[in-house]
Amino acid sequence: MTGSGARRWTAAVRAAAVPIAAAGLTLTLLTGWVAAGRAGTPRPVRVSAGWILVPTSPTTTAAFFTVRNPGDVPDTLLRATSTVSPDVELSRHLHVGTEGRPDPVASLAIPARGELRMAPHVADVVIANPPDLRPGQQVTFTLRFRHSGTVTVSAIAIRPEDLYARLG
């Protein structure tokens, strides 16, 4: 190689050295992150205290919670139970054309770094044959998640007309 060719080659090597070193360092750090078991690790969900509607009929009422998932792995709400009724199921609002109706589901997804914000016309916990509830009364629910295990949370009884003000 001649003098000017060698200088160009040396300059090219030096210019490439920084990005190659940065890529090597990044790969080393990511390998350590994965080896330490921190990548893609589920983190426990957080459930905000919820609301249960004071029943307007003797057949059903609904409860609503906000579930936040701070982890990098999606989680799933698999089941809900309550102290007020053995007949509790998860439901998602099904939209068909201009019509909508509750649709029982086996589970509700909580996306990674996201939330499930239950509300009418979205998703809820349906309670069949509910007892009479007074506004302000607390009802205990146990929510079972695929990765987060069980979370016990209270729901405060409110009148249906007050729900939208609470949901914000």
N, C-alpha and C. Protein backbone atom coordinates (compact mmCIF):
# COMPACT_ATOMS: atom_id res chain seq x y z
N MET A 1 0.83 -1.16 0.00
CA MET A 1 0.00 0.00 0.00
C MET A 1 0.89 1.23 0.00
N THR A 2 0.48 2.23 -0.75
CA THR A 2 1.26 3.46 -0.80
C THR A 2 0.92 4.32 0.40
N GLY A 3 1.64 5.40 0.60
CA GLY A 3 1.45 6.28 1.75
C GLY A 3 0.03 6.82 1.87
N SER A 4 -0.51 7.37 0.75
CA SER A 4 -1.85 7.94 0.82
C SER A 4 -2.90 6.85 0.97
N GLY A 5 -2.69 5.69 0.35
CA GLY A 5 -3.62 4.56 0.50
C GLY A 5 -3.63 4.04 1.92
N ALA A 6 -2.45 3.98 2.53
CA ALA A 6 -2.36 3.51 3.92
C ALA A 6 -3.05 4.48 4.86
N ARG A 7 -2.91 5.78 4.59
CA ARG A 7 -3.56 6.77 5.45
C ARG A 7 -5.07 6.68 5.33
N ARG A 8 -5.58 6.47 4.12
CA ARG A 8 -7.03 6.34 3.93
C ARG A 8 -7.55 5.09 4.64
N TRP A 9 -6.78 4.01 4.53
CA TRP A 9 -7.18 2.76 5.18
C TRP A 9 -7.19 2.93 6.70
N THR A 10 -6.17 3.58 7.25
CA THR A 10 -6.07 3.84 8.70
C THR A 10 -7.23 4.72 9.15
N ALA A 11 -7.57 5.74 8.37
CA ALA A 11 -8.68 6.64 8.71
C ALA A 11 -10.00 5.87 8.69
N ALA A 12 -10.17 4.98 7.73
CA ALA A 12 -11.39 4.18 7.64
C ALA A 12 -11.52 3.24 8.82
N VAL A 13 -10.40 2.64 9.22
CA VAL A 13 -10.41 1.73 10.38
C VAL A 13 -10.77 2.50 11.64
N ARG A 14 -10.17 3.68 11.81
CA ARG A 14 -10.48 4.50 12.99
C ARG A 14 -11.94 4.92 13.00
N ALA A 15 -12.47 5.30 11.84
CA ALA A 15 -13.87 5.72 11.76
C ALA A 15 -14.82 4.57 12.10
N ALA A 16 -14.45 3.36 11.74
CA ALA A 16 -15.30 2.20 12.01
C ALA A 16 -15.16 1.70 13.43
N ALA A 17 -14.06 2.04 14.09
CA ALA A 17 -13.78 1.51 15.43
C ALA A 17 -14.82 1.93 16.46
N VAL A 18 -15.27 3.18 16.43
CA VAL A 18 -16.23 3.67 17.43
C VAL A 18 -17.58 2.94 17.32
N PRO A 19 -18.20 2.85 16.13
CA PRO A 19 -19.47 2.13 16.06
C PRO A 19 -19.33 0.65 16.40
N ILE A 20 -18.21 0.03 16.01
CA ILE A 20 -18.01 -1.38 16.32
C ILE A 20 -17.84 -1.57 17.83
N ALA A 21 -17.12 -0.69 18.47
CA ALA A 21 -16.94 -0.78 19.93
C ALA A 21 -18.27 -0.55 20.64
N ALA A 22 -19.06 0.41 20.16
CA ALA A 22 -20.37 0.68 20.77
C ALA A 22 -21.29 -0.53 20.61
N ALA A 23 -21.29 -1.14 19.45
CA ALA A 23 -22.12 -2.34 19.23
C ALA A 23 -21.67 -3.47 20.13
N GLY A 24 -20.36 -3.65 20.28
CA GLY A 24 -19.83 -4.70 21.16
C GLY A 24 -20.22 -4.47 22.61
N LEU A 25 -20.14 -3.23 23.08
CA LEU A 25 -20.52 -2.90 24.45
C LEU A 25 -22.02 -3.13 24.66
N THR A 26 -22.82 -2.71 23.70
CA THR A 26 -24.27 -2.92 23.80
C THR A 26 -24.60 -4.40 23.86
N LEU A 27 -23.99 -5.19 23.02
CA LEU A 27 -24.21 -6.64 23.02
C LEU A 27 -23.80 -7.26 24.35
N THR A 28 -22.69 -6.82 24.90
CA THR A 28 -22.22 -7.33 26.19
C THR A 28 -23.22 -6.99 27.29
N LEU A 29 -23.70 -5.74 27.32
CA LEU A 29 -24.66 -5.33 28.35
C LEU A 29 -25.98 -6.07 28.21
N LEU A 30 -26.47 -6.23 26.99
CA LEU A 30 -27.72 -6.97 26.79
C LEU A 30 -27.58 -8.44 27.18
N THR A 31 -26.44 -9.03 26.90
CA THR A 31 -26.19 -10.41 27.29
C THR A 31 -26.22 -10.54 28.81
N GLY A 32 -25.60 -9.58 29.50
CA GLY A 32 -25.63 -9.58 30.96
C GLY A 32 -27.03 -9.40 31.51
N TRP A 33 -27.82 -8.53 30.89
CA TRP A 33 -29.21 -8.29 31.30
C TRP A 33 -30.03 -9.57 31.18
N VAL A 34 -29.90 -10.27 30.07
CA VAL A 34 -30.63 -11.52 29.85
C VAL A 34 -30.13 -12.60 30.81
N ALA A 35 -28.81 -12.72 30.97
CA ALA A 35 -28.23 -13.74 31.85
C ALA A 35 -28.65 -13.53 33.30
N ALA A 36 -28.85 -12.28 33.70
CA ALA A 36 -29.27 -11.98 35.07
C ALA A 36 -30.76 -12.23 35.25
N GLY A 37 -31.45 -12.58 34.18
CA GLY A 37 -32.88 -12.89 34.27
C GLY A 37 -33.76 -11.66 34.33
N ARG A 38 -33.28 -10.51 33.89
CA ARG A 38 -34.06 -9.28 33.98
C ARG A 38 -34.85 -8.98 32.70
N ALA A 39 -34.48 -9.55 31.59
CA ALA A 39 -35.16 -9.25 30.34
C ALA A 39 -36.43 -10.08 30.23
N GLY A 40 -37.53 -9.43 29.92
CA GLY A 40 -38.79 -10.14 29.72
C GLY A 40 -39.34 -10.76 30.99
N THR A 41 -38.99 -10.21 32.14
CA THR A 41 -39.47 -10.75 33.41
C THR A 41 -40.81 -10.12 33.74
N PRO A 42 -41.81 -10.94 34.05
CA PRO A 42 -43.09 -10.36 34.46
C PRO A 42 -42.93 -9.62 35.79
N ARG A 43 -43.62 -8.51 35.92
CA ARG A 43 -43.68 -7.78 37.18
C ARG A 43 -45.12 -7.80 37.65
N PRO A 44 -45.36 -7.80 38.93
CA PRO A 44 -46.74 -7.86 39.43
C PRO A 44 -47.58 -6.68 38.93
N VAL A 45 -48.81 -6.97 38.57
CA VAL A 45 -49.73 -5.92 38.16
C VAL A 45 -50.15 -5.12 39.39
N ARG A 46 -50.65 -3.94 39.15
CA ARG A 46 -51.20 -3.09 40.21
C ARG A 46 -52.67 -2.87 39.91
N VAL A 47 -53.51 -3.13 40.90
CA VAL A 47 -54.95 -2.98 40.71
C VAL A 47 -55.43 -1.83 41.58
N SER A 48 -56.09 -0.87 40.95
CA SER A 48 -56.66 0.25 41.70
C SER A 48 -57.97 -0.19 42.33
N ALA A 49 -58.25 0.36 43.51
CA ALA A 49 -59.53 0.09 44.15
C ALA A 49 -60.63 0.43 43.14
N GLY A 50 -61.66 -0.37 43.13
CA GLY A 50 -62.67 -0.22 42.10
C GLY A 50 -64.02 0.20 42.63
N TRP A 51 -64.98 0.05 41.76
CA TRP A 51 -66.36 0.39 42.07
C TRP A 51 -67.26 -0.77 41.69
N ILE A 52 -68.28 -0.98 42.48
CA ILE A 52 -69.32 -1.94 42.15
C ILE A 52 -70.63 -1.16 42.15
N LEU A 53 -71.43 -1.40 41.14
CA LEU A 53 -72.68 -0.66 41.01
C LEU A 53 -73.71 -1.19 42.00
N VAL A 54 -74.40 -0.27 42.67
CA VAL A 54 -75.54 -0.66 43.49
C VAL A 54 -76.54 -1.28 42.53
N PRO A 55 -76.97 -2.53 42.77
CA PRO A 55 -77.83 -3.22 41.80
C PRO A 55 -79.14 -2.47 41.56
N THR A 56 -79.49 -2.39 40.27
CA THR A 56 -80.79 -1.82 39.90
C THR A 56 -81.76 -2.93 39.51
N SER A 57 -81.25 -4.17 39.45
CA SER A 57 -82.09 -5.34 39.20
C SER A 57 -81.58 -6.46 40.10
N PRO A 58 -82.42 -7.44 40.39
CA PRO A 58 -81.97 -8.53 41.26
C PRO A 58 -81.08 -9.55 40.54
N THR A 59 -80.91 -9.42 39.22
CA THR A 59 -80.20 -10.47 38.48
C THR A 59 -78.71 -10.24 38.35
N THR A 60 -78.27 -9.00 38.06
CA THR A 60 -76.82 -8.75 37.88
C THR A 60 -76.45 -7.34 38.27
N THR A 61 -75.17 -7.19 38.52
CA THR A 61 -74.54 -5.88 38.63
C THR A 61 -73.12 -6.04 38.11
N ALA A 62 -72.35 -4.97 38.13
CA ALA A 62 -70.99 -5.03 37.58
C ALA A 62 -70.02 -4.27 38.47
N ALA A 63 -68.76 -4.72 38.42
CA ALA A 63 -67.67 -4.06 39.13
C ALA A 63 -66.60 -3.68 38.10
N PHE A 64 -65.87 -2.62 38.41
CA PHE A 64 -64.88 -2.08 37.48
C PHE A 64 -63.58 -1.79 38.23
N PHE A 65 -62.46 -2.16 37.61
CA PHE A 65 -61.14 -1.94 38.18
C PHE A 65 -60.21 -1.43 37.10
N THR A 66 -59.13 -0.79 37.50
CA THR A 66 -58.07 -0.45 36.57
C THR A 66 -56.86 -1.29 36.95
N VAL A 67 -56.35 -2.05 35.97
CA VAL A 67 -55.21 -2.93 36.20
C VAL A 67 -54.04 -2.41 35.38
N ARG A 68 -52.95 -2.05 36.06
CA ARG A 68 -51.75 -1.54 35.38
C ARG A 68 -50.67 -2.61 35.40
N ASN A 69 -50.02 -2.79 34.27
CA ASN A 69 -48.94 -3.77 34.14
C ASN A 69 -47.63 -3.03 33.87
N PRO A 70 -46.76 -2.90 34.89
CA PRO A 70 -45.51 -2.18 34.70
C PRO A 70 -44.41 -3.03 34.04
N GLY A 71 -44.69 -4.32 33.83
CA GLY A 71 -43.68 -5.23 33.32
C GLY A 71 -43.55 -5.24 31.81
N ASP A 72 -42.54 -5.98 31.35
CA ASP A 72 -42.27 -6.12 29.92
C ASP A 72 -43.02 -7.30 29.30
N VAL A 73 -43.78 -8.03 30.13
CA VAL A 73 -44.49 -9.22 29.67
C VAL A 73 -45.99 -9.00 29.85
N PRO A 74 -46.81 -9.27 28.84
CA PRO A 74 -48.26 -9.15 29.02
C PRO A 74 -48.74 -10.09 30.13
N ASP A 75 -49.80 -9.70 30.80
CA ASP A 75 -50.41 -10.56 31.81
C ASP A 75 -51.87 -10.76 31.43
N THR A 76 -52.54 -11.65 32.12
CA THR A 76 -53.92 -11.98 31.80
C THR A 76 -54.72 -12.14 33.08
N LEU A 77 -55.86 -11.47 33.15
CA LEU A 77 -56.79 -11.68 34.25
C LEU A 77 -57.59 -12.93 33.91
N LEU A 78 -57.43 -13.96 34.74
CA LEU A 78 -58.04 -15.26 34.46
C LEU A 78 -59.37 -15.49 35.16
N ARG A 79 -59.53 -14.85 36.33
CA ARG A 79 -60.71 -15.18 37.13
C ARG A 79 -60.92 -14.10 38.17
N ALA A 80 -62.17 -13.92 38.58
CA ALA A 80 -62.50 -13.02 39.68
C ALA A 80 -63.48 -13.74 40.59
N THR A 81 -63.31 -13.53 41.88
CA THR A 81 -64.27 -14.03 42.87
C THR A 81 -64.61 -12.87 43.79
N SER A 82 -65.74 -13.02 44.49
CA SER A 82 -66.18 -11.96 45.37
C SER A 82 -66.81 -12.53 46.63
N THR A 83 -66.79 -11.72 47.67
CA THR A 83 -67.42 -12.12 48.94
C THR A 83 -68.93 -11.99 48.90
N VAL A 84 -69.49 -11.31 47.89
CA VAL A 84 -70.93 -11.09 47.86
C VAL A 84 -71.72 -12.09 47.02
N SER A 85 -71.03 -12.86 46.18
CA SER A 85 -71.74 -13.82 45.34
C SER A 85 -70.76 -14.86 44.80
N PRO A 86 -71.20 -16.11 44.73
CA PRO A 86 -70.34 -17.12 44.10
C PRO A 86 -70.38 -17.06 42.57
N ASP A 87 -71.34 -16.32 42.05
CA ASP A 87 -71.54 -16.25 40.59
C ASP A 87 -70.91 -14.98 40.03
N VAL A 88 -69.61 -15.06 39.72
CA VAL A 88 -68.86 -13.92 39.20
C VAL A 88 -68.18 -14.35 37.91
N GLU A 89 -68.25 -13.49 36.88
CA GLU A 89 -67.57 -13.81 35.63
C GLU A 89 -67.00 -12.55 35.00
N LEU A 90 -66.01 -12.76 34.15
CA LEU A 90 -65.41 -11.67 33.40
C LEU A 90 -66.23 -11.42 32.15
N SER A 91 -66.29 -10.18 31.73
CA SER A 91 -67.09 -9.84 30.56
C SER A 91 -66.41 -8.73 29.78
N ARG A 92 -66.57 -8.80 28.48
CA ARG A 92 -66.10 -7.74 27.58
C ARG A 92 -67.33 -7.29 26.80
N HIS A 93 -67.38 -6.01 26.50
CA HIS A 93 -68.51 -5.49 25.74
C HIS A 93 -68.30 -5.81 24.27
N LEU A 94 -69.22 -6.51 23.68
CA LEU A 94 -69.13 -6.92 22.28
C LEU A 94 -69.93 -5.95 21.42
N HIS A 95 -69.27 -5.35 20.44
CA HIS A 95 -69.91 -4.42 19.52
C HIS A 95 -70.21 -5.15 18.21
N VAL A 96 -71.48 -5.16 17.83
CA VAL A 96 -71.90 -5.77 16.57
C VAL A 96 -72.71 -4.73 15.82
N GLY A 97 -72.09 -4.13 14.82
CA GLY A 97 -72.76 -3.04 14.10
C GLY A 97 -73.02 -1.89 15.06
N THR A 98 -74.26 -1.46 15.15
CA THR A 98 -74.62 -0.39 16.08
C THR A 98 -75.08 -0.93 17.42
N GLU A 99 -75.15 -2.23 17.53
CA GLU A 99 -75.58 -2.87 18.79
C GLU A 99 -74.38 -3.24 19.64
N GLY A 100 -74.61 -3.33 20.92
CA GLY A 100 -73.57 -3.77 21.84
C GLY A 100 -74.20 -4.59 22.95
N ARG A 101 -73.42 -5.53 23.46
CA ARG A 101 -73.92 -6.34 24.57
C ARG A 101 -72.72 -6.93 25.33
N PRO A 102 -72.95 -7.24 26.63
CA PRO A 102 -71.87 -7.89 27.36
C PRO A 102 -71.64 -9.30 26.83
N ASP A 103 -70.40 -9.72 26.80
CA ASP A 103 -70.05 -11.05 26.31
C ASP A 103 -69.12 -11.71 27.33
N PRO A 104 -69.57 -12.79 27.99
CA PRO A 104 -68.70 -13.47 28.95
C PRO A 104 -67.43 -13.95 28.25
N VAL A 105 -66.29 -13.78 28.93
CA VAL A 105 -65.01 -14.21 28.37
C VAL A 105 -64.24 -15.01 29.42
N ALA A 106 -63.33 -15.83 28.97
CA ALA A 106 -62.53 -16.65 29.88
C ALA A 106 -61.41 -15.84 30.53
N SER A 107 -60.98 -14.74 29.89
CA SER A 107 -59.88 -13.96 30.42
C SER A 107 -59.89 -12.57 29.79
N LEU A 108 -59.13 -11.66 30.42
CA LEU A 108 -58.96 -10.30 29.90
C LEU A 108 -57.46 -10.00 29.88
N ALA A 109 -56.96 -9.50 28.76
CA ALA A 109 -55.53 -9.23 28.59
C ALA A 109 -55.14 -7.89 29.17
N ILE A 110 -53.95 -7.85 29.76
CA ILE A 110 -53.33 -6.62 30.21
C ILE A 110 -52.00 -6.51 29.48
N PRO A 111 -51.87 -5.56 28.55
CA PRO A 111 -50.65 -5.50 27.74
C PRO A 111 -49.42 -5.12 28.59
N ALA A 112 -48.26 -5.52 28.11
CA ALA A 112 -47.00 -5.12 28.74
C ALA A 112 -46.92 -3.61 28.76
N ARG A 113 -46.50 -3.05 29.90
CA ARG A 113 -46.38 -1.61 30.08
C ARG A 113 -47.68 -0.88 29.70
N GLY A 114 -48.82 -1.54 29.95
CA GLY A 114 -50.11 -0.94 29.61
C GLY A 114 -51.10 -1.15 30.74
N GLU A 115 -52.36 -0.97 30.40
CA GLU A 115 -53.39 -1.13 31.42
C GLU A 115 -54.68 -1.65 30.81
N LEU A 116 -55.46 -2.25 31.67
CA LEU A 116 -56.84 -2.63 31.36
C LEU A 116 -57.68 -1.72 32.22
N ARG A 117 -58.39 -0.82 31.60
CA ARG A 117 -59.26 0.11 32.33
C ARG A 117 -60.70 -0.32 32.09
N MET A 118 -61.25 -1.02 33.08
CA MET A 118 -62.62 -1.51 32.94
C MET A 118 -63.60 -0.34 33.01
N ALA A 119 -64.62 -0.43 32.17
CA ALA A 119 -65.67 0.59 32.11
C ALA A 119 -66.84 -0.01 31.34
N PRO A 120 -68.04 0.54 31.51
CA PRO A 120 -69.15 0.06 30.68
C PRO A 120 -68.75 0.19 29.21
N HIS A 121 -69.19 -0.70 28.42
CA HIS A 121 -68.90 -0.72 26.99
C HIS A 121 -67.44 -1.07 26.69
N VAL A 122 -66.68 -1.53 27.72
CA VAL A 122 -65.30 -2.00 27.51
C VAL A 122 -65.19 -3.40 28.10
N ALA A 123 -65.04 -3.48 29.42
CA ALA A 123 -64.92 -4.76 30.11
C ALA A 123 -65.32 -4.55 31.57
N ASP A 124 -65.75 -5.63 32.23
CA ASP A 124 -66.12 -5.54 33.63
C ASP A 124 -66.14 -6.92 34.27
N VAL A 125 -66.44 -6.91 35.56
CA VAL A 125 -66.64 -8.13 36.32
C VAL A 125 -68.14 -8.17 36.61
N VAL A 126 -68.83 -9.19 36.13
CA VAL A 126 -70.28 -9.30 36.30
C VAL A 126 -70.57 -10.16 37.52
N ILE A 127 -71.46 -9.67 38.37
CA ILE A 127 -71.86 -10.38 39.58
C ILE A 127 -73.32 -10.75 39.42
N ALA A 128 -73.61 -12.06 39.39
CA ALA A 128 -74.99 -12.53 39.28
C ALA A 128 -75.61 -12.63 40.67
N ASN A 129 -76.89 -12.41 40.73
CA ASN A 129 -77.65 -12.51 41.98
C ASN A 129 -77.00 -11.72 43.11
N PRO A 130 -76.75 -10.45 42.88
CA PRO A 130 -76.05 -9.67 43.91
C PRO A 130 -76.97 -9.36 45.10
N PRO A 131 -76.40 -9.17 46.27
CA PRO A 131 -77.21 -8.74 47.40
C PRO A 131 -77.50 -7.25 47.28
N ASP A 132 -78.39 -6.75 48.12
CA ASP A 132 -78.60 -5.30 48.17
C ASP A 132 -77.31 -4.66 48.69
N LEU A 133 -76.89 -3.61 48.02
CA LEU A 133 -75.69 -2.89 48.44
C LEU A 133 -76.06 -1.43 48.68
N ARG A 134 -75.43 -0.82 49.67
CA ARG A 134 -75.63 0.59 49.97
C ARG A 134 -74.46 1.39 49.40
N PRO A 135 -74.71 2.58 48.89
CA PRO A 135 -73.59 3.41 48.43
C PRO A 135 -72.56 3.56 49.57
N GLY A 136 -71.28 3.39 49.22
CA GLY A 136 -70.21 3.49 50.20
C GLY A 136 -69.80 2.15 50.80
N GLN A 137 -70.64 1.13 50.64
CA GLN A 137 -70.30 -0.20 51.17
C GLN A 137 -69.12 -0.77 50.39
N GLN A 138 -68.20 -1.44 51.10
CA GLN A 138 -67.04 -2.05 50.45
C GLN A 138 -67.28 -3.53 50.22
N VAL A 139 -66.86 -3.99 49.05
CA VAL A 139 -66.98 -5.39 48.67
C VAL A 139 -65.58 -5.87 48.29
N THR A 140 -65.19 -7.04 48.79
CA THR A 140 -63.86 -7.58 48.51
C THR A 140 -63.90 -8.50 47.29
N PHE A 141 -62.93 -8.31 46.41
CA PHE A 141 -62.76 -9.16 45.23
C PHE A 141 -61.36 -9.75 45.26
N THR A 142 -61.23 -10.96 44.74
CA THR A 142 -59.93 -11.57 44.52
C THR A 142 -59.80 -11.79 43.03
N LEU A 143 -58.75 -11.21 42.46
CA LEU A 143 -58.50 -11.31 41.02
C LEU A 143 -57.29 -12.22 40.83
N ARG A 144 -57.41 -13.21 39.94
CA ARG A 144 -56.30 -14.15 39.68
C ARG A 144 -55.74 -13.87 38.30
N PHE A 145 -54.40 -13.66 38.28
CA PHE A 145 -53.69 -13.34 37.04
C PHE A 145 -52.74 -14.48 36.67
N ARG A 146 -52.46 -14.61 35.39
CA ARG A 146 -51.57 -15.65 34.90
C ARG A 146 -50.17 -15.53 35.51
N HIS A 147 -49.59 -14.34 35.49
CA HIS A 147 -48.22 -14.16 35.99
C HIS A 147 -48.17 -13.54 37.38
N SER A 148 -49.12 -12.72 37.72
CA SER A 148 -49.07 -11.97 38.97
C SER A 148 -49.73 -12.69 40.14
N GLY A 149 -50.30 -13.85 39.90
CA GLY A 149 -50.96 -14.56 41.00
C GLY A 149 -52.26 -13.89 41.39
N THR A 150 -52.56 -13.90 42.70
CA THR A 150 -53.83 -13.33 43.15
C THR A 150 -53.61 -11.96 43.78
N VAL A 151 -54.58 -11.10 43.54
CA VAL A 151 -54.59 -9.76 44.11
C VAL A 151 -55.97 -9.57 44.74
N THR A 152 -55.99 -9.19 46.01
CA THR A 152 -57.25 -8.90 46.69
C THR A 152 -57.43 -7.39 46.70
N VAL A 153 -58.62 -6.95 46.32
CA VAL A 153 -58.89 -5.53 46.18
C VAL A 153 -60.33 -5.25 46.60
N SER A 154 -60.57 -4.04 47.06
CA SER A 154 -61.92 -3.63 47.44
C SER A 154 -62.57 -2.83 46.34
N ALA A 155 -63.88 -2.94 46.27
CA ALA A 155 -64.67 -2.10 45.38
C ALA A 155 -65.71 -1.40 46.25
N ILE A 156 -65.90 -0.14 46.00
CA ILE A 156 -66.86 0.66 46.75
C ILE A 156 -68.16 0.73 45.97
N ALA A 157 -69.27 0.45 46.63
CA ALA A 157 -70.58 0.49 45.98
C ALA A 157 -70.97 1.93 45.68
N ILE A 158 -71.36 2.17 44.43
CA ILE A 158 -71.82 3.49 44.01
C ILE A 158 -73.08 3.32 43.17
N ARG A 159 -73.84 4.39 43.06
CA ARG A 159 -75.03 4.38 42.19
C ARG A 159 -74.56 4.41 40.74
N PRO A 160 -75.29 3.75 39.84
CA PRO A 160 -74.88 3.74 38.43
C PRO A 160 -74.67 5.14 37.85
N GLU A 161 -75.51 6.08 38.23
CA GLU A 161 -75.39 7.43 37.66
C GLU A 161 -74.11 8.15 38.12
N ASP A 162 -73.44 7.64 39.16
CA ASP A 162 -72.20 8.26 39.64
C ASP A 162 -70.93 7.63 39.02
N LEU A 163 -71.09 6.56 38.25
CA LEU A 163 -69.93 5.84 37.75
C LEU A 163 -69.07 6.66 36.81
N TYR A 164 -69.65 7.35 35.85
CA TYR A 164 -68.85 8.06 34.86
C TYR A 164 -68.02 9.18 35.47
N ALA A 165 -68.55 9.82 36.53
CA ALA A 165 -67.77 10.84 37.22
C ALA A 165 -66.55 10.21 37.89
N ARG A 166 -66.66 8.97 38.36
CA ARG A 166 -65.54 8.28 39.01
C ARG A 166 -64.51 7.80 38.01
N LEU A 167 -64.96 7.39 36.84
CA LEU A 167 -64.04 6.86 35.84
C LEU A 167 -63.22 7.97 35.19
N GLY A 168 -63.70 9.18 35.27
CA GLY A 168 -62.93 10.31 34.71
C GLY A 168 -63.01 10.32 33.27
